[in-house]
Protein backbone atom coordinates (compact mmCIF):
# COMPACT_ATOMS: atom_id res chain seq x y z
CA UNK A 1 5.33 6.92 -38.08
CA UNK A 2 5.28 9.10 -41.38
CA UNK A 3 5.21 13.12 -40.19
CA UNK A 4 1.76 13.51 -40.69
CA UNK A 5 0.97 10.66 -38.21
CA UNK A 6 3.41 11.50 -36.17
CA UNK A 7 2.42 14.99 -35.64
CA UNK A 8 -0.81 13.79 -34.57
CA UNK A 9 -0.04 11.09 -32.31
CA UNK A 10 1.89 13.61 -30.94
CA UNK A 11 -1.36 15.97 -30.36
CA UNK A 12 -3.20 13.23 -28.94
CA UNK A 13 -0.43 12.71 -26.09
CA UNK A 14 -0.16 16.56 -25.22
CA UNK A 15 -3.68 17.28 -25.29
CA UNK A 16 -4.17 13.80 -22.64
CA UNK A 17 -1.14 15.97 -20.73
CA UNK A 18 -2.77 19.15 -20.69
CA UNK A 19 -5.85 17.05 -19.35
CA UNK A 20 -4.73 15.11 -16.72
CA UNK A 21 -2.36 18.15 -15.69
CA UNK A 22 -4.92 20.23 -15.73
CA UNK A 23 -7.45 17.97 -13.54
CA UNK A 24 -4.59 16.92 -11.23
CA UNK A 25 -3.77 20.71 -10.74
CA UNK A 26 -6.99 21.82 -10.04
CA UNK A 27 -8.12 18.39 -8.24
CA UNK A 28 -5.75 19.86 -5.17
CA UNK A 29 -8.38 22.18 -4.13
CA UNK A 30 -10.61 19.31 -3.82
CA UNK A 31 -10.54 15.57 -2.04
CA UNK A 32 -7.48 14.07 -2.96
CA UNK A 33 -9.29 11.38 -5.23
CA UNK A 34 -10.94 14.03 -7.33
CA UNK A 35 -7.38 13.47 -9.64
CA UNK A 36 -8.68 11.39 -12.32
CA UNK A 37 -5.70 9.42 -12.41
CA UNK A 38 -6.10 8.58 -8.67
CA UNK A 39 -9.77 7.55 -8.86
CA UNK A 40 -8.71 5.20 -12.07
CA UNK A 41 -6.16 3.60 -9.61
CA UNK A 42 -7.85 2.90 -7.12
CA UNK A 43 -10.37 1.46 -9.18
CA UNK A 44 -8.03 -0.83 -10.80
CA UNK A 45 -6.81 -1.67 -7.04
CA UNK A 46 -10.39 -2.82 -6.74
CA UNK A 47 -11.08 -5.00 -9.57
CA UNK A 48 -8.00 -6.53 -10.05
CA UNK A 49 -8.27 -10.14 -9.27
CA UNK A 50 -6.70 -11.45 -5.67
CA UNK A 51 -4.10 -13.30 -7.30
CA UNK A 52 -2.92 -10.25 -9.38
CA UNK A 53 -2.93 -8.59 -6.41
CA UNK A 54 -1.07 -10.81 -4.53
CA UNK A 55 2.00 -11.34 -7.40
CA UNK A 56 2.00 -7.26 -7.45
CA UNK A 57 2.69 -7.49 -4.06
CA UNK A 58 4.92 -10.61 -3.44
CA UNK A 59 6.62 -9.31 -6.10
CA UNK A 60 6.94 -5.30 -5.57
CA UNK A 61 6.53 -4.87 -1.92
CA UNK A 62 5.28 -1.23 -0.86
CA UNK A 63 6.19 -0.44 -4.72
CA UNK A 64 3.26 -1.89 -5.65
CA UNK A 65 1.15 1.20 -6.20
CA UNK A 66 4.48 3.15 -8.50
CA UNK A 67 4.33 -0.01 -10.71
CA UNK A 68 0.37 0.53 -11.21
CA UNK A 69 0.95 4.20 -11.58
CA UNK A 70 3.69 3.43 -14.30
CA UNK A 71 1.48 0.89 -16.03
CA UNK A 72 -1.84 3.31 -16.08
CA UNK A 73 0.91 6.06 -17.86
CA UNK A 74 2.03 4.07 -20.55
CA UNK A 75 -1.54 2.82 -21.07
CA UNK A 76 -3.01 6.47 -21.14
CA UNK A 77 -0.18 7.49 -23.67
CA UNK A 78 -0.61 4.75 -25.53
CA UNK A 79 -4.63 5.40 -25.86
CA UNK A 80 -3.38 8.71 -26.18
CA UNK A 81 -1.55 8.06 -29.75
CA UNK A 82 -4.54 6.05 -30.85
CA UNK A 83 -7.14 9.13 -30.57
CA UNK A 84 -4.61 11.50 -32.07
CA UNK A 85 -4.10 9.07 -34.90
CA UNK A 86 -7.35 8.78 -35.21
CA UNK A 87 -8.04 12.13 -35.52
CA UNK A 88 -5.71 12.86 -38.61
CA UNK A 89 -8.91 11.52 -40.50
CA UNK A 90 -11.72 11.90 -38.40
CA UNK A 91 -11.25 14.61 -36.16
CA UNK A 92 -15.10 14.31 -34.54
CA UNK A 93 -14.77 10.36 -34.12
CA UNK A 94 -11.25 11.53 -32.05
CA UNK A 95 -13.18 13.98 -30.10
CA UNK A 96 -16.01 11.92 -29.29
CA UNK A 97 -13.66 9.52 -28.25
CA UNK A 98 -11.93 11.69 -25.73
CA UNK A 99 -15.07 13.18 -24.13
CA UNK A 100 -15.75 9.75 -23.49
CA UNK A 101 -12.94 8.85 -21.61
CA UNK A 102 -12.77 11.71 -19.90
CA UNK A 103 -16.75 11.28 -18.52
CA UNK A 104 -15.43 8.01 -17.54
CA UNK A 105 -13.12 9.14 -15.47
CA UNK A 106 -15.47 11.64 -13.72
CA UNK A 107 -17.78 8.72 -12.99
CA UNK A 108 -14.86 7.03 -11.34
CA UNK A 109 -14.09 10.31 -9.09
CA UNK A 110 -17.68 10.27 -8.39
CA UNK A 111 -18.09 6.55 -7.40
CA UNK A 112 -15.62 7.44 -5.07
CA UNK A 113 -16.58 6.75 -0.97
CA UNK A 114 -13.90 9.96 -0.04
CA UNK A 115 -15.63 11.98 -2.77
CA UNK A 116 -18.30 14.48 -3.06
CA UNK A 117 -20.18 15.37 -6.34
CA UNK A 118 -18.49 18.60 -6.65
CA UNK A 119 -15.62 17.02 -6.83
CA UNK A 120 -15.86 16.01 -10.23
CA UNK A 121 -15.32 19.46 -11.10
CA UNK A 122 -11.35 19.20 -11.64
CA UNK A 123 -11.96 16.27 -14.19
CA UNK A 124 -14.54 18.17 -16.11
CA UNK A 125 -11.86 21.48 -16.49
CA UNK A 126 -8.97 19.36 -17.45
CA UNK A 127 -11.38 17.80 -20.00
CA UNK A 128 -12.59 20.96 -21.48
CA UNK A 129 -8.80 22.08 -21.74
CA UNK A 130 -7.74 18.88 -22.82
CA UNK A 131 -10.24 18.51 -25.57
CA UNK A 132 -9.34 21.86 -27.47
CA UNK A 133 -5.88 21.28 -27.11
CA UNK A 134 -6.72 17.86 -28.88
CA UNK A 135 -8.83 19.94 -32.02
CA UNK A 136 -6.42 22.88 -32.40
CA UNK A 137 -3.47 20.84 -32.72
CA UNK A 138 -4.97 18.42 -34.83
CA UNK A 139 -6.46 20.85 -36.95
CA UNK A 140 -2.31 22.42 -36.94
CA UNK A 141 -1.15 18.84 -37.70
CA UNK A 142 -2.97 18.90 -41.33
CA UNK A 143 -5.98 16.90 -40.47
CA UNK A 144 -7.94 17.26 -44.02
CA UNK A 145 -7.42 14.79 -46.65
CA UNK A 146 -6.70 15.28 -50.34
CA UNK A 147 -6.74 13.53 -53.26
CA UNK A 148 -3.71 13.38 -55.57
CA UNK A 149 -3.14 13.38 -58.78
CA UNK A 150 -2.78 9.37 -58.61
CA UNK A 151 -6.03 9.22 -57.41
CA UNK A 152 -4.98 8.09 -54.01
CA UNK A 153 -5.86 9.43 -50.98
CA UNK A 154 -3.28 11.23 -48.40
CA UNK A 155 -2.34 13.65 -46.10
CA UNK A 156 -1.00 16.76 -47.70
CA UNK A 157 2.25 18.48 -46.23
CA UNK A 158 1.90 21.67 -44.08
CA UNK A 159 3.51 24.71 -45.05
CA UNK A 160 6.46 25.84 -43.03
CA UNK A 161 4.10 28.57 -41.30
CA UNK A 162 1.70 25.47 -40.39
CA UNK A 163 4.30 23.52 -39.37
CA UNK A 164 5.65 26.72 -37.18
CA UNK A 165 2.57 27.20 -35.86
CA UNK A 166 2.09 23.61 -34.70
CA UNK A 167 5.53 23.70 -32.94
CA UNK A 168 4.51 27.39 -31.28
CA UNK A 169 0.94 25.46 -30.26
CA UNK A 170 2.48 21.62 -29.03
CA UNK A 171 5.31 23.89 -27.06
CA UNK A 172 2.24 25.91 -25.78
CA UNK A 173 0.87 22.79 -24.91
CA UNK A 174 3.82 21.04 -22.84
CA UNK A 175 4.34 24.18 -21.11
CA UNK A 176 0.51 24.24 -19.90
CA UNK A 177 0.81 20.57 -19.52
CA UNK A 178 4.23 20.14 -17.48
CA UNK A 179 3.47 23.27 -15.65
CA UNK A 180 -0.25 21.86 -14.12
CA UNK A 181 1.63 18.52 -13.43
CA UNK A 182 4.33 20.71 -11.27
CA UNK A 183 1.75 22.91 -9.52
CA UNK A 184 -0.41 19.32 -8.82
CA UNK A 185 2.82 18.16 -7.26
CA UNK A 186 3.65 21.07 -5.72
CA UNK A 187 0.19 21.72 -4.32
CA UNK A 188 0.32 18.09 -3.17
CA UNK A 189 3.28 18.86 -0.74
CA UNK A 190 1.97 21.86 0.75
CA UNK A 191 -0.88 20.29 1.42
CA UNK A 192 1.47 18.07 3.46
CA UNK A 193 1.81 20.07 5.84
CA UNK A 194 -0.23 17.69 7.40
CA UNK A 195 3.07 15.59 8.46
CA UNK A 196 4.07 18.57 10.26
CA UNK A 197 1.02 18.83 12.26
CA UNK A 198 1.15 15.21 13.16
CA UNK A 199 4.97 16.17 14.15
CA UNK A 200 3.91 18.67 16.54
CA UNK A 201 0.73 16.76 17.34
CA UNK A 202 1.70 16.27 21.18
CA UNK A 203 1.56 12.34 22.25
CA UNK A 204 -0.33 12.18 26.17
CA UNK A 205 2.37 10.14 28.53
CA UNK A 206 1.36 6.47 28.46
CA UNK A 207 -0.58 5.72 31.96
CA UNK A 208 1.20 2.02 30.85
CA UNK A 209 4.44 2.07 29.40
CA UNK A 210 5.84 -1.16 27.14
CA UNK A 211 8.27 -2.98 28.94
CA UNK A 212 11.98 -1.97 28.42
CA UNK A 213 13.93 -3.72 25.34
CA UNK A 214 16.68 -5.54 26.90
CA UNK A 215 20.05 -5.97 25.27
CA UNK A 216 19.54 -9.55 25.03
CA UNK A 217 16.42 -9.11 22.13
CA UNK A 218 18.79 -8.37 19.21
CA UNK A 219 21.93 -10.88 18.21
CA UNK A 220 25.39 -9.16 17.03
CA UNK A 221 24.99 -10.38 13.70
CA UNK A 222 25.81 -7.71 11.27
CA UNK A 223 22.85 -7.12 8.75
CA UNK A 224 20.01 -8.82 10.70
CA UNK A 225 17.21 -6.02 10.96
CA UNK A 226 16.71 -4.08 14.20
CA UNK A 227 14.33 -5.23 16.78
CA UNK A 228 12.20 -1.91 16.12
CA UNK A 229 11.65 -0.93 12.47
CA UNK A 230 12.19 3.04 12.05
CA UNK A 231 8.60 3.90 10.01
CA UNK A 232 10.42 4.76 7.26
CA UNK A 233 11.37 1.01 6.85
CA UNK A 234 8.17 -0.47 8.17
CA UNK A 235 6.40 -1.59 5.36
CA UNK A 236 3.15 -0.20 3.96
CA UNK A 237 0.73 -2.24 2.03
CA UNK A 238 -2.75 -0.81 1.46
CA UNK A 239 -5.45 0.12 -1.16
CA UNK A 240 -4.97 3.60 -0.68
CA UNK A 241 -3.40 5.46 -4.20
CA UNK A 242 -2.97 8.34 -2.14
CA UNK A 243 -2.62 8.60 1.63
CA UNK A 244 -5.34 10.27 2.73
CA UNK A 245 -5.03 13.36 4.64
CA UNK A 246 -7.35 13.46 7.71
CA UNK A 247 -6.81 16.28 10.24
CA UNK A 248 -6.70 15.32 13.92
CA UNK A 249 -9.74 18.15 14.46
CA UNK A 250 -11.41 16.10 11.66
CA UNK A 251 -11.25 13.15 13.10
CA UNK A 252 -14.27 11.21 14.79
CA UNK A 253 -14.58 7.18 15.10
CA UNK A 254 -18.05 5.91 15.37
CA UNK A 255 -19.25 2.78 17.14
CA UNK A 256 -22.31 1.49 15.35
CA UNK A 257 -24.43 -2.08 14.68
CA UNK A 258 -24.78 -4.39 17.29
CA UNK A 259 -24.95 -2.18 20.11
CA UNK A 260 -26.64 -1.39 23.12
CA UNK A 261 -25.36 2.55 22.35
CA UNK A 262 -23.65 3.94 20.02
CA UNK A 263 -20.80 6.36 20.24
CA UNK A 264 -18.65 8.72 19.03
CA UNK A 265 -15.35 9.77 20.15
CA UNK A 266 -13.02 13.25 18.57
CA UNK A 267 -9.22 13.34 18.58
CA UNK A 268 -9.39 15.40 21.65
CA UNK A 269 -11.46 13.23 23.70
CA UNK A 270 -9.38 10.07 22.80
CA UNK A 271 -6.29 11.80 23.53
CA UNK A 272 -7.48 12.60 27.51
CA UNK A 273 -8.12 8.62 27.21
CA UNK A 274 -5.84 6.33 29.47
CA UNK A 275 -2.81 5.34 26.86
CA UNK A 276 -1.24 2.26 26.32
CA UNK A 277 2.83 1.53 25.09
CA UNK A 278 3.21 -2.18 23.36
CA UNK A 279 5.47 -3.76 21.43
CA UNK A 280 3.71 -5.75 18.22
CA UNK A 281 4.83 -6.96 15.41
CA UNK A 282 2.70 -6.39 12.57
CA UNK A 283 2.88 -8.84 9.11
CA UNK A 284 0.80 -8.69 5.91
CA UNK A 285 -0.58 -12.13 4.88
CA UNK A 286 0.92 -11.54 1.37
CA UNK A 287 4.42 -11.47 2.72
CA UNK A 288 6.26 -14.35 0.51
CA UNK A 289 8.56 -16.88 2.45
CA UNK A 290 11.51 -15.39 3.73
CA UNK A 291 9.92 -11.56 2.42
CA UNK A 292 9.75 -7.81 4.48
CA UNK A 293 6.36 -7.25 4.55
CA UNK A 294 6.82 -7.70 8.52
CA UNK A 295 7.66 -5.10 11.12
CA UNK A 296 7.69 -4.41 14.95
CA UNK A 297 7.15 -1.17 16.40
CA UNK A 298 6.09 0.37 19.77
CA UNK A 299 2.82 1.27 19.61
CA UNK A 300 0.52 3.72 21.59
CA UNK A 301 -2.82 3.71 22.01
CA UNK A 302 -5.99 3.29 23.72
CA UNK A 303 -7.38 0.03 24.30
CA UNK A 304 -10.11 -1.09 21.85
CA UNK A 305 -11.82 -2.98 24.24
CA UNK A 306 -12.35 -0.08 26.62
CA UNK A 307 -14.06 1.78 23.76
CA UNK A 308 -16.01 -1.31 22.83
CA UNK A 309 -17.17 -1.28 26.87
CA UNK A 310 -18.93 1.96 26.54
CA UNK A 311 -20.98 0.55 23.41
CA UNK A 312 -21.95 -2.45 25.01
CA UNK A 313 -21.55 -5.33 22.10
CA UNK A 314 -24.91 -7.55 21.74
CA UNK A 315 -24.24 -10.94 23.10
CA UNK A 316 -24.71 -12.47 19.41
CA UNK A 317 -22.23 -10.04 17.92
CA UNK A 318 -19.14 -12.35 16.80
CA UNK A 319 -17.22 -9.53 14.56
CA UNK A 320 -16.06 -6.14 14.14
CA UNK A 321 -16.39 -4.27 10.45
CA UNK A 322 -13.81 -1.37 10.91
CA UNK A 323 -13.52 1.32 7.99
CA UNK A 324 -11.02 3.76 6.70
CA UNK A 325 -11.86 7.21 5.69
CA UNK A 326 -10.98 5.75 1.99
CA UNK A 327 -13.63 3.25 2.46
CA UNK A 328 -11.53 0.59 2.80
CA UNK A 329 -13.26 -2.66 5.68
CA UNK A 330 -11.50 -4.97 7.31
CA UNK A 331 -13.30 -7.94 9.55
CA UNK A 332 -11.79 -8.68 13.38
CA UNK A 333 -13.56 -10.90 15.70
CA UNK A 334 -15.01 -9.31 18.09
CA UNK A 335 -12.67 -11.65 20.35
CA UNK A 336 -9.67 -10.43 19.42
CA UNK A 337 -10.67 -6.57 20.25
CA UNK A 338 -12.23 -7.13 23.42
CA UNK A 339 -9.80 -10.17 25.25
CA UNK A 340 -6.54 -9.34 26.93
CA UNK A 341 -4.44 -9.21 23.82
CA UNK A 342 -3.61 -5.85 24.38
CA UNK A 343 -5.65 -4.18 20.71
CA UNK A 344 -5.25 -0.56 20.17
CA UNK A 345 -6.53 2.16 18.48
CA UNK A 346 -3.39 3.39 18.03
CA UNK A 347 -2.10 7.50 17.43
CA UNK A 348 1.54 6.91 17.68
CA UNK A 349 4.34 4.78 16.42
CA UNK A 350 7.81 4.39 17.96
CA UNK A 351 7.47 7.64 20.09
CA UNK A 352 6.04 9.68 17.55
CA UNK A 353 2.76 10.39 15.86
CA UNK A 354 1.26 7.93 13.46
CA UNK A 355 3.23 8.79 9.69
CA UNK A 356 0.89 9.52 7.41
CA UNK A 357 1.40 6.28 5.09
CA UNK A 358 1.23 4.29 8.18
CA UNK A 359 -2.86 5.69 9.55
CA UNK A 360 -2.27 9.41 10.77
CA UNK A 361 -4.36 10.04 12.83
CA UNK A 362 -5.95 7.52 14.06
CA UNK A 363 -5.58 3.36 13.47
CA UNK A 364 -5.91 -0.21 14.58
CA UNK A 365 -3.29 -2.23 16.03
CA UNK A 366 -4.35 -6.28 16.82
CA UNK A 367 -2.25 -8.74 18.25
CA UNK A 368 -1.81 -12.09 16.48
CA UNK A 369 -3.83 -11.32 12.88
CA UNK A 370 -2.53 -10.73 9.96
CA UNK A 371 -2.97 -7.02 8.40
CA UNK A 372 -5.72 -7.28 6.36
CA UNK A 373 -8.25 -8.12 9.46
CA UNK A 374 -6.08 -6.13 11.64
CA UNK A 375 -4.90 -3.01 10.62
CA UNK A 376 -7.18 -0.71 9.45
CA UNK A 377 -5.63 2.61 8.82
CA UNK A 378 -7.13 5.98 9.10
CA UNK A 379 -9.88 4.36 10.81
CA UNK A 380 -13.46 5.81 11.70
CA UNK A 381 -15.71 3.38 12.43
CA UNK A 382 -16.45 0.23 14.28
CA UNK A 383 -19.45 -1.76 13.04
CA UNK A 384 -20.04 -4.51 15.67
CA UNK A 385 -21.63 -7.36 13.22
CA UNK A 386 -21.64 -10.88 12.54
CA UNK A 387 -19.19 -12.92 10.01
CA UNK A 388 -22.85 -14.16 8.63
CA UNK A 389 -24.09 -10.78 7.83
CA UNK A 390 -21.55 -8.65 6.53
CA UNK A 391 -18.19 -9.17 4.46
CA UNK A 392 -14.79 -6.88 4.08
CA UNK A 393 -12.53 -5.28 0.94
CA UNK A 394 -10.36 -8.74 0.90
CA UNK A 395 -12.81 -11.40 2.22
CA UNK A 396 -14.70 -10.55 -0.70
CA UNK A 397 -12.10 -11.47 -2.76
CA UNK A 398 -11.56 -14.89 -1.23
CA UNK A 399 -8.83 -14.46 2.02
CA UNK A 400 -9.62 -15.74 5.22
CA UNK A 401 -12.29 -13.72 7.24
CA UNK A 402 -10.09 -14.04 10.46
CA UNK A 403 -6.54 -14.67 9.57
CA UNK A 404 -4.34 -15.92 12.27
CA UNK A 405 -1.17 -15.31 12.01
CA UNK A 406 0.95 -18.48 11.37
CA UNK A 407 4.41 -19.27 12.72
CA UNK A 408 7.13 -18.26 10.36
CA UNK A 409 10.90 -17.85 10.26
CA UNK A 410 13.31 -16.10 7.72
CA UNK A 411 17.05 -15.88 6.90
CA UNK A 412 18.19 -12.94 6.78
CA UNK A 413 22.62 -13.93 7.29
CA UNK A 414 23.88 -14.35 4.95
CA UNK A 415 22.42 -12.87 1.95
CA UNK A 416 21.02 -15.23 -0.89
CA UNK A 417 24.01 -16.30 -3.43
CA UNK A 418 26.74 -14.89 -1.38
CA UNK A 419 30.18 -15.76 -1.06
CA UNK A 420 31.48 -15.82 2.80
CA UNK A 421 34.94 -16.82 3.91
CA UNK A 422 35.82 -20.56 4.44
CA UNK A 423 35.70 -21.87 7.92
CA UNK A 424 32.76 -21.40 10.43
CA UNK A 425 29.50 -19.80 9.05
CA UNK A 426 26.92 -17.78 10.65
CA UNK A 427 23.92 -17.50 9.82
CA UNK A 428 20.92 -15.52 11.50
CA UNK A 429 17.58 -14.00 10.61
CA UNK A 430 13.95 -13.19 12.90
CA UNK A 431 10.93 -15.54 13.25
CA UNK A 432 7.58 -14.98 14.76
CA UNK A 433 4.51 -16.39 16.28
CA UNK A 434 2.34 -13.79 17.62
CA UNK A 435 -0.20 -14.96 20.82
CA UNK A 436 1.50 -17.72 20.74
CA UNK A 437 5.48 -17.13 20.86
CA UNK A 438 8.72 -18.28 18.98
CA UNK A 439 9.63 -21.62 21.63
CA UNK A 440 12.58 -22.33 19.17
CA UNK A 441 14.05 -22.31 15.80
CA UNK A 442 15.73 -24.63 13.79
CA UNK A 443 18.17 -24.91 11.19
CA UNK A 444 20.25 -27.29 8.71
CA UNK A 445 22.31 -26.71 6.18
CA UNK A 446 21.88 -28.84 2.81
CA UNK A 447 19.80 -31.43 3.57
CA UNK A 448 21.30 -32.74 6.99
CA UNK A 449 19.68 -32.74 10.32
CA UNK A 450 17.86 -29.99 12.20
CA UNK A 451 19.97 -28.21 14.68
CA UNK A 452 18.78 -26.13 17.23
CA UNK A 453 19.85 -22.25 17.41
CA UNK A 454 20.34 -19.74 19.51
CA UNK A 455 17.28 -17.55 20.22
CA UNK A 456 18.01 -13.77 21.13
CA UNK A 457 15.78 -13.17 24.58
CA UNK A 458 11.81 -12.45 24.04
CA UNK A 459 10.29 -9.19 24.53
CA UNK A 460 6.97 -10.64 24.32
CA UNK A 461 4.59 -13.40 22.90
CA UNK A 462 3.41 -10.57 20.25
CA UNK A 463 6.96 -9.70 18.85
CA UNK A 464 9.53 -11.15 16.74
CA UNK A 465 12.40 -12.92 18.00
CA UNK A 466 16.16 -12.98 16.56
CA UNK A 467 18.35 -15.74 15.86
CA UNK A 468 22.00 -16.95 15.27
CA UNK A 469 23.74 -20.05 14.42
CA UNK A 470 27.17 -21.28 13.46
CA UNK A 471 28.00 -23.95 11.63
CA UNK A 472 32.14 -24.87 11.79
CA UNK A 473 34.23 -25.94 9.29
CA UNK A 474 31.84 -25.94 6.60
CA UNK A 475 33.43 -27.35 3.09
CA UNK A 476 34.55 -24.77 -0.13
CA UNK A 477 31.62 -24.69 -2.51
CA UNK A 478 27.97 -23.82 -2.83
CA UNK A 479 25.69 -24.97 0.07
CA UNK A 480 22.10 -24.33 1.36
CA UNK A 481 20.47 -23.55 4.70
CA UNK A 482 16.96 -23.88 5.57
CA UNK A 483 14.83 -22.24 9.03
CA UNK A 484 11.58 -23.32 10.49
CA UNK A 485 10.37 -21.91 13.62
CA UNK A 486 8.32 -23.71 16.43
CA UNK A 487 5.48 -22.18 18.77
CA UNK A 488 4.99 -22.46 22.51
CA UNK A 489 1.86 -24.69 21.30
CA UNK A 490 4.63 -27.29 19.82
CA UNK A 491 3.32 -25.79 16.21
CA UNK A 492 6.23 -27.06 13.64
CA UNK A 493 6.03 -24.59 10.87
CA UNK A 494 4.92 -26.19 7.50
CA UNK A 495 7.09 -27.02 4.95
CA UNK A 496 4.40 -27.70 2.54
CA UNK A 497 4.53 -24.47 0.44
CA UNK A 498 1.28 -22.97 -0.18
CA UNK A 499 0.12 -19.48 -1.97
CA UNK A 500 -0.61 -16.30 0.42
CA UNK A 501 -4.88 -17.18 -0.66
CA UNK A 502 -6.46 -17.47 1.27
CA UNK A 503 -4.26 -17.07 4.95
CA UNK A 504 -0.72 -16.41 3.87
CA UNK A 505 1.98 -18.46 2.37
CA UNK A 506 3.73 -21.30 3.85
CA UNK A 507 6.98 -23.27 3.62
CA UNK A 508 10.38 -23.16 5.04
CA UNK A 509 12.48 -20.35 3.84
CA UNK A 510 15.68 -21.60 2.07
CA UNK A 511 19.04 -20.08 0.24
CA UNK A 512 22.15 -20.70 -1.14
CA UNK A 513 25.67 -19.14 -0.81
CA UNK A 514 29.15 -20.42 -1.49
CA UNK A 515 31.99 -20.58 1.02
CA UNK A 516 35.13 -19.51 -0.55
CA UNK A 517 38.22 -21.81 -1.28
CA UNK A 518 40.72 -21.84 1.49
């Protein structure tokens, strides 16, 4: 790229950085979604085809949002380069495109369910300063076109003074953009004081405690995940690009729709209600065969059925549309929230208040259903309705509306492609079949016969079970091991490979490993 074009490209990039940086910093004083990049990312998540979303979740797991942000940054920088280069010859057109992009981002901010009209102010403030930066830098870079002696149009080389002026202004823009982004981050971190408030929120003593987890619930094999998943390791898959900042004193839950009486409760009232503890395994419908998007925690909450009893759902209702503070919705069978399975409006996780990333201050936890219909975080409304009247975020995108969890199992030891010592080979892992329970787990070496494994003690039908098995005298060389689960209803985990849409990936988990020579 020639010097003039390069300077204009730099001008476009710096103007964009100033725009987004200033808007990001200003947005910290408004709603989190007032930041234009957040609004853009949330919109991208909404309009991305389900197959692409599933690929991203299956491939990147909980890092899928980081990948999205990186992609948006790269795309934004490319657009900024184009705008800057256009400004070299047609500054007015470049300014118009810059303005249209800013206005489009403001529109995305405005349409977010968690924003108010006032939340577009940061975008327009950033746009005004960014546009000014673009014009000033483009002019300092040398924006006029002259005719050379040979009759060809060309860009005049700026004088040394002009170059110094450009570099000085570019340096100032860099400082402003970087400082704005840093300030935005710092305010965001300060805003996470809400996390401190979450830790200091005193959880009530459970009226019903979860059963003690017996020592036999874990197999003694290094590399197998712990029975209870620490909150920091628990998978997080949701549509929130920025974690909602919802204070306990601001939270309310409304029960609406097909009920005899609408009900509204706040956090103080919720914490005064009898709380129950339950060990429950949650699984993401996008979990690939053998994947890590599953975890078990001890949840503390009030039974959802008790709250619904106060509203008295009408007999013809069969679904509850739960709504998050950020607008996400999930369709849960009413029966799953009113039967004796122990569905919770949870406020605690593993003995602590819910982490912000996992729904603080309150979320749903429903055993036996995949998370996209059962585990709404930051929940603020339960609308009692019917499946033939309402649809939810993921069902609108082709996923199953009821989503019962299928029996599944995975191998955690040995690691894929691991080399193990010659002789006896220990394999181990976990299996789950919530609301039914795991009856048996079987493994086979290469294409041999299925062999029943040693199962760890069952804690409940709603939690996973660990398992282990030893293959004696395995010959040196490469081998494969496959696992399958059988639930208490006699259903054998299918070997048929299917995609997650509409209701979970299926197939047996199979890994290869190498046995070392003796």
